[in-house]
PDB file of all heavy atoms in Angstrom:
ATOM      1  N   LEU A   1      55.169   0.650 -26.363  1.00  0.00           N
ATOM      2  CA  LEU A   1      54.670  -0.729 -26.740  1.00  0.00           C
ATOM      3  C   LEU A   1      54.477  -0.791 -28.323  1.00  0.00           C
ATOM      4  O   LEU A   1      53.995   0.266 -28.854  1.00  0.00           O
ATOM      5  CB  LEU A   1      53.338  -1.115 -26.049  1.00  0.00           C
ATOM      6  CG  LEU A   1      53.420  -0.975 -24.561  1.00  0.00           C
ATOM      7  CD1 LEU A   1      52.016  -1.402 -23.953  1.00  0.00           C
ATOM      8  CD2 LEU A   1      54.529  -1.921 -23.939  1.00  0.00           C
ATOM      9  N   ILE A   2      54.938  -1.823 -28.885  1.00  0.00           N
ATOM     10  CA  ILE A   2      54.778  -1.940 -30.386  1.00  0.00           C
ATOM     11  C   ILE A   2      53.741  -3.068 -30.615  1.00  0.00           C
ATOM     12  O   ILE A   2      54.028  -4.250 -30.514  1.00  0.00           O
ATOM     13  CB  ILE A   2      56.136  -2.293 -31.034  1.00  0.00           C
ATOM     14  CG1 ILE A   2      57.158  -1.334 -30.663  1.00  0.00           C
ATOM     15  CG2 ILE A   2      56.005  -2.432 -32.540  1.00  0.00           C
ATOM     16  CD1 ILE A   2      58.622  -1.688 -31.145  1.00  0.00           C
ATOM     17  N   GLY A   3      52.504  -2.641 -30.972  1.00  0.00           N
ATOM     18  CA  GLY A   3      51.474  -3.582 -31.286  1.00  0.00           C
ATOM     19  C   GLY A   3      51.661  -4.215 -32.581  1.00  0.00           C
ATOM     20  O   GLY A   3      52.392  -3.703 -33.463  1.00  0.00           O
ATOM     21  N   ASN A   4      50.956  -5.353 -32.745  1.00  0.00           N
ATOM     22  CA  ASN A   4      51.147  -6.161 -34.014  1.00  0.00           C
ATOM     23  C   ASN A   4      50.664  -5.449 -35.195  1.00  0.00           C
ATOM     24  O   ASN A   4      51.089  -5.652 -36.313  1.00  0.00           O
ATOM     25  CB  ASN A   4      50.344  -7.484 -33.899  1.00  0.00           C
ATOM     26  CG  ASN A   4      51.025  -8.414 -32.875  1.00  0.00           C
ATOM     27  OD1 ASN A   4      52.200  -8.366 -32.709  1.00  0.00           O
ATOM     28  ND2 ASN A   4      50.224  -9.296 -32.255  1.00  0.00           N
ATOM     29  N   LEU A   5      49.730  -4.518 -35.077  1.00  0.00           N
ATOM     30  CA  LEU A   5      49.192  -3.779 -36.195  1.00  0.00           C
ATOM     31  C   LEU A   5      49.763  -2.406 -36.356  1.00  0.00           C
ATOM     32  O   LEU A   5      49.315  -1.601 -37.133  1.00  0.00           O
ATOM     33  CB  LEU A   5      47.602  -3.729 -36.066  1.00  0.00           C
ATOM     34  CG  LEU A   5      46.972  -5.075 -36.051  1.00  0.00           C
ATOM     35  CD1 LEU A   5      45.395  -4.888 -35.873  1.00  0.00           C
ATOM     36  CD2 LEU A   5      47.212  -5.871 -37.368  1.00  0.00           C
ATOM     37  N   MET A   6      50.705  -2.023 -35.459  1.00  0.00           N
ATOM     38  CA  MET A   6      51.305  -0.697 -35.547  1.00  0.00           C
ATOM     39  C   MET A   6      52.149  -0.504 -36.741  1.00  0.00           C
ATOM     40  O   MET A   6      52.980  -1.392 -37.066  1.00  0.00           O
ATOM     41  CB  MET A   6      52.079  -0.417 -34.244  1.00  0.00           C
ATOM     42  CG  MET A   6      52.665   0.927 -34.187  1.00  0.00           C
ATOM     43  SD  MET A   6      53.700   1.169 -32.603  1.00  0.00           S
ATOM     44  CE  MET A   6      52.416   1.912 -31.625  1.00  0.00           C
ATOM     45  N   HIS A   7      52.021   0.606 -37.371  1.00  0.00           N
ATOM     46  CA  HIS A   7      52.916   0.938 -38.476  1.00  0.00           C
ATOM     47  C   HIS A   7      54.109   1.728 -37.965  1.00  0.00           C
ATOM     48  O   HIS A   7      54.051   2.347 -36.901  1.00  0.00           O
ATOM     49  CB  HIS A   7      52.173   1.828 -39.565  1.00  0.00           C
ATOM     50  CG  HIS A   7      51.049   1.062 -40.187  1.00  0.00           C
ATOM     51  ND1 HIS A   7      51.244   0.223 -41.249  1.00  0.00           N
ATOM     52  CD2 HIS A   7      49.662   1.106 -39.930  1.00  0.00           C
ATOM     53  CE1 HIS A   7      50.043  -0.314 -41.653  1.00  0.00           C
ATOM     54  NE2 HIS A   7      49.116   0.181 -40.867  1.00  0.00           N
ATOM     55  N   PHE A   8      55.227   1.712 -38.797  1.00  0.00           N
ATOM     56  CA  PHE A   8      56.446   2.365 -38.327  1.00  0.00           C
ATOM     57  C   PHE A   8      56.217   3.823 -38.051  1.00  0.00           C
ATOM     58  O   PHE A   8      56.675   4.416 -37.142  1.00  0.00           O
ATOM     59  CB  PHE A   8      57.571   2.231 -39.390  1.00  0.00           C
ATOM     60  CG  PHE A   8      58.808   2.981 -39.037  1.00  0.00           C
ATOM     61  CD1 PHE A   8      59.606   2.490 -38.052  1.00  0.00           C
ATOM     62  CD2 PHE A   8      59.068   4.149 -39.606  1.00  0.00           C
ATOM     63  CE1 PHE A   8      60.763   3.152 -37.654  1.00  0.00           C
ATOM     64  CE2 PHE A   8      60.264   4.903 -39.228  1.00  0.00           C
ATOM     65  CZ  PHE A   8      61.091   4.355 -38.237  1.00  0.00           C
ATOM     66  N   ASP A   9      55.417   4.563 -38.935  1.00  0.00           N
ATOM     67  CA  ASP A   9      55.226   5.933 -38.704  1.00  0.00           C
ATOM     68  C   ASP A   9      54.529   6.243 -37.369  1.00  0.00           C
ATOM     69  O   ASP A   9      54.782   7.270 -36.739  1.00  0.00           O
ATOM     70  CB  ASP A   9      54.522   6.646 -39.882  1.00  0.00           C
ATOM     71  CG  ASP A   9      53.150   6.033 -40.222  1.00  0.00           C
ATOM     72  OD1 ASP A   9      52.893   4.883 -39.817  1.00  0.00           O
ATOM     73  OD2 ASP A   9      52.368   6.729 -40.928  1.00  0.00           O
ATOM     74  N   GLU A  10      53.527   5.343 -36.952  1.00  0.00           N
ATOM     75  CA  GLU A  10      52.956   5.492 -35.719  1.00  0.00           C
ATOM     76  C   GLU A  10      53.956   5.372 -34.566  1.00  0.00           C
ATOM     77  O   GLU A  10      53.965   6.018 -33.567  1.00  0.00           O
ATOM     78  CB  GLU A  10      51.784   4.510 -35.510  1.00  0.00           C
ATOM     79  CG  GLU A  10      50.698   4.657 -36.545  1.00  0.00           C
ATOM     80  CD  GLU A  10      49.744   3.453 -36.483  1.00  0.00           C
ATOM     81  OE1 GLU A  10      50.110   2.328 -36.737  1.00  0.00           O
ATOM     82  OE2 GLU A  10      48.532   3.756 -36.152  1.00  0.00           O
ATOM     83  N   PHE A  11      54.763   4.278 -34.697  1.00  0.00           N
ATOM     84  CA  PHE A  11      55.860   4.037 -33.720  1.00  0.00           C
ATOM     85  C   PHE A  11      56.780   5.171 -33.595  1.00  0.00           C
ATOM     86  O   PHE A  11      57.084   5.618 -32.448  1.00  0.00           O
ATOM     87  CB  PHE A  11      56.552   2.708 -34.038  1.00  0.00           C
ATOM     88  CG  PHE A  11      57.772   2.445 -33.240  1.00  0.00           C
ATOM     89  CD1 PHE A  11      57.710   2.356 -31.871  1.00  0.00           C
ATOM     90  CD2 PHE A  11      58.996   2.280 -33.884  1.00  0.00           C
ATOM     91  CE1 PHE A  11      58.879   2.043 -31.116  1.00  0.00           C
ATOM     92  CE2 PHE A  11      60.104   2.066 -33.141  1.00  0.00           C
ATOM     93  CZ  PHE A  11      60.099   1.946 -31.796  1.00  0.00           C
ATOM     94  N   GLU A  12      57.146   5.728 -34.645  1.00  0.00           N
ATOM     95  CA  GLU A  12      58.136   6.881 -34.710  1.00  0.00           C
ATOM     96  C   GLU A  12      57.457   8.120 -34.033  1.00  0.00           C
ATOM     97  O   GLU A  12      58.064   8.795 -33.199  1.00  0.00           O
ATOM     98  CB  GLU A  12      58.487   7.216 -36.128  1.00  0.00           C
ATOM     99  CG  GLU A  12      59.481   8.287 -36.241  1.00  0.00           C
ATOM    100  CD  GLU A  12      59.945   8.529 -37.694  1.00  0.00           C
ATOM    101  OE1 GLU A  12      59.087   8.527 -38.630  1.00  0.00           O
ATOM    102  OE2 GLU A  12      61.094   8.817 -37.933  1.00  0.00           O
ATOM    103  N   LYS A  13      56.231   8.347 -34.356  1.00  0.00           N
ATOM    104  CA  LYS A  13      55.463   9.531 -33.827  1.00  0.00           C
ATOM    105  C   LYS A  13      55.357   9.356 -32.260  1.00  0.00           C
ATOM    106  O   LYS A  13      55.607  10.312 -31.504  1.00  0.00           O
ATOM    107  CB  LYS A  13      54.142   9.657 -34.450  1.00  0.00           C
ATOM    108  CG  LYS A  13      53.336  10.896 -33.954  1.00  0.00           C
ATOM    109  CD  LYS A  13      52.063  11.060 -34.619  1.00  0.00           C
ATOM    110  CE  LYS A  13      51.233  12.193 -34.021  1.00  0.00           C
ATOM    111  NZ  LYS A  13      49.894  12.322 -34.529  1.00  0.00           N
ATOM    112  N   GLU A  14      55.016   8.188 -31.853  1.00  0.00           N
ATOM    113  CA  GLU A  14      54.797   7.909 -30.414  1.00  0.00           C
ATOM    114  C   GLU A  14      56.085   8.126 -29.686  1.00  0.00           C
ATOM    115  O   GLU A  14      56.132   8.695 -28.573  1.00  0.00           O
ATOM    116  CB  GLU A  14      54.210   6.563 -30.216  1.00  0.00           C
ATOM    117  CG  GLU A  14      53.682   6.385 -28.792  1.00  0.00           C
ATOM    118  CD  GLU A  14      52.814   5.176 -28.624  1.00  0.00           C
ATOM    119  OE1 GLU A  14      52.104   4.817 -29.562  1.00  0.00           O
ATOM    120  OE2 GLU A  14      52.901   4.576 -27.517  1.00  0.00           O
ATOM    121  N   THR A  15      57.211   7.621 -30.289  1.00  0.00           N
ATOM    122  CA  THR A  15      58.532   7.710 -29.614  1.00  0.00           C
ATOM    123  C   THR A  15      58.980   9.158 -29.603  1.00  0.00           C
ATOM    124  O   THR A  15      59.491   9.643 -28.514  1.00  0.00           O
ATOM    125  CB  THR A  15      59.572   6.863 -30.413  1.00  0.00           C
ATOM    126  OG1 THR A  15      59.107   5.516 -30.398  1.00  0.00           O
ATOM    127  CG2 THR A  15      60.925   6.967 -29.719  1.00  0.00           C
ATOM    128  N   ASN A  16      58.768   9.918 -30.657  1.00  0.00           N
ATOM    129  CA  ASN A  16      59.152  11.333 -30.670  1.00  0.00           C
ATOM    130  C   ASN A  16      58.364  12.169 -29.656  1.00  0.00           C
ATOM    131  O   ASN A  16      58.944  13.041 -28.956  1.00  0.00           O
ATOM    132  CB  ASN A  16      58.899  11.933 -32.126  1.00  0.00           C
ATOM    133  CG  ASN A  16      59.898  11.416 -33.119  1.00  0.00           C
ATOM    134  OD1 ASN A  16      60.958  10.907 -32.765  1.00  0.00           O
ATOM    135  ND2 ASN A  16      59.531  11.538 -34.366  1.00  0.00           N
ATOM    136  N   GLU A  17      57.116  11.842 -29.450  1.00  0.00           N
ATOM    137  CA  GLU A  17      56.274  12.579 -28.481  1.00  0.00           C
ATOM    138  C   GLU A  17      56.731  12.252 -27.087  1.00  0.00           C
ATOM    139  O   GLU A  17      56.796  13.103 -26.186  1.00  0.00           O
ATOM    140  CB  GLU A  17      54.732  12.189 -28.693  1.00  0.00           C
ATOM    141  CG  GLU A  17      54.144  12.778 -29.892  1.00  0.00           C
ATOM    142  CD  GLU A  17      54.283  14.307 -29.984  1.00  0.00           C
ATOM    143  OE1 GLU A  17      53.994  14.979 -29.005  1.00  0.00           O
ATOM    144  OE2 GLU A  17      54.653  14.755 -31.046  1.00  0.00           O
ATOM    145  N   LEU A  18      57.080  10.952 -26.841  1.00  0.00           N
ATOM    146  CA  LEU A  18      57.660  10.586 -25.527  1.00  0.00           C
ATOM    147  C   LEU A  18      58.950  11.266 -25.261  1.00  0.00           C
ATOM    148  O   LEU A  18      59.185  11.790 -24.119  1.00  0.00           O
ATOM    149  CB  LEU A  18      57.836   9.090 -25.491  1.00  0.00           C
ATOM    150  CG  LEU A  18      58.424   8.540 -24.230  1.00  0.00           C
ATOM    151  CD1 LEU A  18      57.611   8.868 -23.006  1.00  0.00           C
ATOM    152  CD2 LEU A  18      58.630   7.028 -24.340  1.00  0.00           C
ATOM    153  N   GLU A  19      59.842  11.457 -26.248  1.00  0.00           N
ATOM    154  CA  GLU A  19      61.083  12.177 -26.026  1.00  0.00           C
ATOM    155  C   GLU A  19      60.790  13.599 -25.617  1.00  0.00           C
ATOM    156  O   GLU A  19      61.512  14.127 -24.708  1.00  0.00           O
ATOM    157  CB  GLU A  19      61.928  12.182 -27.303  1.00  0.00           C
ATOM    158  CG  GLU A  19      62.603  10.872 -27.691  1.00  0.00           C
ATOM    159  CD  GLU A  19      63.340  10.903 -29.027  1.00  0.00           C
ATOM    160  OE1 GLU A  19      62.863  11.637 -29.973  1.00  0.00           O
ATOM    161  OE2 GLU A  19      64.355  10.273 -29.097  1.00  0.00           O
ATOM    162  N   LYS A  20      59.839  14.232 -26.238  1.00  0.00           N
ATOM    163  CA  LYS A  20      59.517  15.624 -25.898  1.00  0.00           C
ATOM    164  C   LYS A  20      58.979  15.768 -24.499  1.00  0.00           C
ATOM    165  O   LYS A  20      59.074  16.865 -23.847  1.00  0.00           O
ATOM    166  CB  LYS A  20      58.502  16.167 -26.923  1.00  0.00           C
ATOM    167  CG  LYS A  20      59.036  16.390 -28.302  1.00  0.00           C
ATOM    168  CD  LYS A  20      57.997  16.830 -29.249  1.00  0.00           C
ATOM    169  CE  LYS A  20      58.516  16.877 -30.661  1.00  0.00           C
ATOM    170  NZ  LYS A  20      57.482  17.221 -31.631  1.00  0.00           N
ATOM    171  N   MET A  21      58.327  14.750 -23.939  1.00  0.00           N
ATOM    172  CA  MET A  21      57.873  14.808 -22.649  1.00  0.00           C
ATOM    173  C   MET A  21      58.970  14.375 -21.581  1.00  0.00           C
ATOM    174  O   MET A  21      59.025  15.033 -20.549  1.00  0.00           O
ATOM    175  CB  MET A  21      56.611  13.842 -22.413  1.00  0.00           C
ATOM    176  CG  MET A  21      55.382  14.299 -23.119  1.00  0.00           C
ATOM    177  SD  MET A  21      53.946  13.254 -22.748  1.00  0.00           S
ATOM    178  CE  MET A  21      54.384  11.750 -23.548  1.00  0.00           C
ATOM    179  N   LEU A  22      59.737  13.385 -21.876  1.00  0.00           N
ATOM    180  CA  LEU A  22      60.620  12.787 -20.954  1.00  0.00           C
ATOM    181  C   LEU A  22      61.862  13.654 -20.823  1.00  0.00           C
ATOM    182  O   LEU A  22      62.357  13.949 -19.592  1.00  0.00           O
ATOM    183  CB  LEU A  22      61.027  11.423 -21.442  1.00  0.00           C
ATOM    184  CG  LEU A  22      61.981  10.635 -20.405  1.00  0.00           C
ATOM    185  CD1 LEU A  22      61.295  10.343 -19.133  1.00  0.00           C
ATOM    186  CD2 LEU A  22      62.436   9.327 -21.097  1.00  0.00           C
ATOM    187  N   TYR A  23      62.506  14.087 -21.870  1.00  0.00           N
ATOM    188  CA  TYR A  23      63.802  14.852 -21.816  1.00  0.00           C
ATOM    189  C   TYR A  23      63.739  16.079 -20.965  1.00  0.00           C
ATOM    190  O   TYR A  23      64.521  16.265 -19.995  1.00  0.00           O
ATOM    191  CB  TYR A  23      64.289  15.121 -23.155  1.00  0.00           C
ATOM    192  CG  TYR A  23      65.780  15.181 -23.345  1.00  0.00           C
ATOM    193  CD1 TYR A  23      66.649  14.568 -22.394  1.00  0.00           C
ATOM    194  CD2 TYR A  23      66.365  15.783 -24.441  1.00  0.00           C
ATOM    195  CE1 TYR A  23      68.033  14.655 -22.621  1.00  0.00           C
ATOM    196  CE2 TYR A  23      67.714  15.751 -24.659  1.00  0.00           C
ATOM    197  CZ  TYR A  23      68.505  15.273 -23.749  1.00  0.00           C
ATOM    198  OH  TYR A  23      69.939  15.283 -23.947  1.00  0.00           O
ATOM    199  N   PRO A  24      62.779  17.004 -21.157  1.00  0.00           N
ATOM    200  CA  PRO A  24      62.686  18.211 -20.306  1.00  0.00           C
ATOM    201  C   PRO A  24      62.510  17.925 -18.837  1.00  0.00           C
ATOM    202  O   PRO A  24      63.024  18.500 -17.977  1.00  0.00           O
ATOM    203  CB  PRO A  24      61.450  18.931 -20.936  1.00  0.00           C
ATOM    204  CG  PRO A  24      61.301  18.397 -22.254  1.00  0.00           C
ATOM    205  CD  PRO A  24      61.714  17.027 -22.251  1.00  0.00           C
ATOM    206  N   LEU A  25      61.632  16.865 -18.533  1.00  0.00           N
ATOM    207  CA  LEU A  25      61.343  16.494 -17.231  1.00  0.00           C
ATOM    208  C   LEU A  25      62.579  16.008 -16.487  1.00  0.00           C
ATOM    209  O   LEU A  25      62.976  16.398 -15.345  1.00  0.00           O
ATOM    210  CB  LEU A  25      60.286  15.473 -17.131  1.00  0.00           C
ATOM    211  CG  LEU A  25      59.847  14.931 -15.777  1.00  0.00           C
ATOM    212  CD1 LEU A  25      59.358  16.046 -14.880  1.00  0.00           C
ATOM    213  CD2 LEU A  25      58.834  13.892 -15.926  1.00  0.00           C
ATOM    214  N   VAL A  26      63.310  15.151 -17.131  1.00  0.00           N
ATOM    215  CA  VAL A  26      64.606  14.631 -16.549  1.00  0.00           C
ATOM    216  C   VAL A  26      65.639  15.682 -16.358  1.00  0.00           C
ATOM    217  O   VAL A  26      66.285  15.760 -15.307  1.00  0.00           O
ATOM    218  CB  VAL A  26      65.160  13.467 -17.439  1.00  0.00           C
ATOM    219  CG1 VAL A  26      66.477  12.999 -16.924  1.00  0.00           C
ATOM    220  CG2 VAL A  26      64.131  12.220 -17.430  1.00  0.00           C
ATOM    221  N   ILE A  27      65.768  16.556 -17.345  1.00  0.00           N
ATOM    222  CA  ILE A  27      66.689  17.724 -17.197  1.00  0.00           C
ATOM    223  C   ILE A  27      66.327  18.523 -15.990  1.00  0.00           C
ATOM    224  O   ILE A  27      67.177  18.917 -15.180  1.00  0.00           O
ATOM    225  CB  ILE A  27      66.719  18.537 -18.465  1.00  0.00           C
ATOM    226  CG1 ILE A  27      67.360  17.694 -19.621  1.00  0.00           C
ATOM    227  CG2 ILE A  27      67.493  19.846 -18.302  1.00  0.00           C
ATOM    228  CD1 ILE A  27      67.205  18.309 -20.987  1.00  0.00           C
ATOM    229  N   ASP A  28      64.998  18.855 -15.848  1.00  0.00           N
ATOM    230  CA  ASP A  28      64.556  19.606 -14.714  1.00  0.00           C
ATOM    231  C   ASP A  28      64.923  18.929 -13.417  1.00  0.00           C
ATOM    232  O   ASP A  28      65.371  19.632 -12.430  1.00  0.00           O
ATOM    233  CB  ASP A  28      63.043  19.798 -14.829  1.00  0.00           C
ATOM    234  CG  ASP A  28      62.469  20.767 -13.821  1.00  0.00           C
ATOM    235  OD1 ASP A  28      63.142  21.738 -13.411  1.00  0.00           O
ATOM    236  OD2 ASP A  28      61.325  20.539 -13.319  1.00  0.00           O
ATOM    237  N   LYS A  29      64.731  17.629 -13.335  1.00  0.00           N
ATOM    238  CA  LYS A  29      65.094  16.871 -12.108  1.00  0.00           C
ATOM    239  C   LYS A  29      66.577  16.950 -11.843  1.00  0.00           C
ATOM    240  O   LYS A  29      66.994  17.083 -10.677  1.00  0.00           O
ATOM    241  CB  LYS A  29      64.611  15.382 -12.288  1.00  0.00           C
ATOM    242  CG  LYS A  29      63.168  15.181 -12.250  1.00  0.00           C
ATOM    243  CD  LYS A  29      62.624  15.411 -10.891  1.00  0.00           C
ATOM    244  CE  LYS A  29      61.086  15.000 -10.855  1.00  0.00           C
ATOM    245  NZ  LYS A  29      60.574  15.148  -9.526  1.00  0.00           N
ATOM    246  N   ILE A  30      67.402  16.841 -12.831  1.00  0.00           N
ATOM    247  CA  ILE A  30      68.861  16.845 -12.670  1.00  0.00           C
ATOM    248  C   ILE A  30      69.233  18.230 -12.115  1.00  0.00           C
ATOM    249  O   ILE A  30      70.054  18.358 -11.180  1.00  0.00           O
ATOM    250  CB  ILE A  30      69.592  16.523 -13.967  1.00  0.00           C
ATOM    251  CG1 ILE A  30      69.419  15.109 -14.395  1.00  0.00           C
ATOM    252  CG2 ILE A  30      71.081  16.909 -13.858  1.00  0.00           C
ATOM    253  CD1 ILE A  30      69.921  14.700 -15.749  1.00  0.00           C
ATOM    254  N   LEU A  31      68.726  19.303 -12.717  1.00  0.00           N
ATOM    255  CA  LEU A  31      69.014  20.609 -12.282  1.00  0.00           C
ATOM    256  C   LEU A  31      68.626  20.903 -10.908  1.00  0.00           C
ATOM    257  O   LEU A  31      69.259  21.769 -10.145  1.00  0.00           O
ATOM    258  CB  LEU A  31      68.416  21.686 -13.250  1.00  0.00           C
ATOM    259  CG  LEU A  31      68.956  21.704 -14.651  1.00  0.00           C
ATOM    260  CD1 LEU A  31      68.185  22.616 -15.570  1.00  0.00           C
ATOM    261  CD2 LEU A  31      70.496  22.026 -14.704  1.00  0.00           C
TER     262      LEU A  31
END
């Protein structure tokens, strides 16, 4: 979610953290 007061660096950090959680989990499920 992108809040009205969110700065780009916060958005980028949150997206990067989500990638680190989601990608390994999905790969594990595929395998």
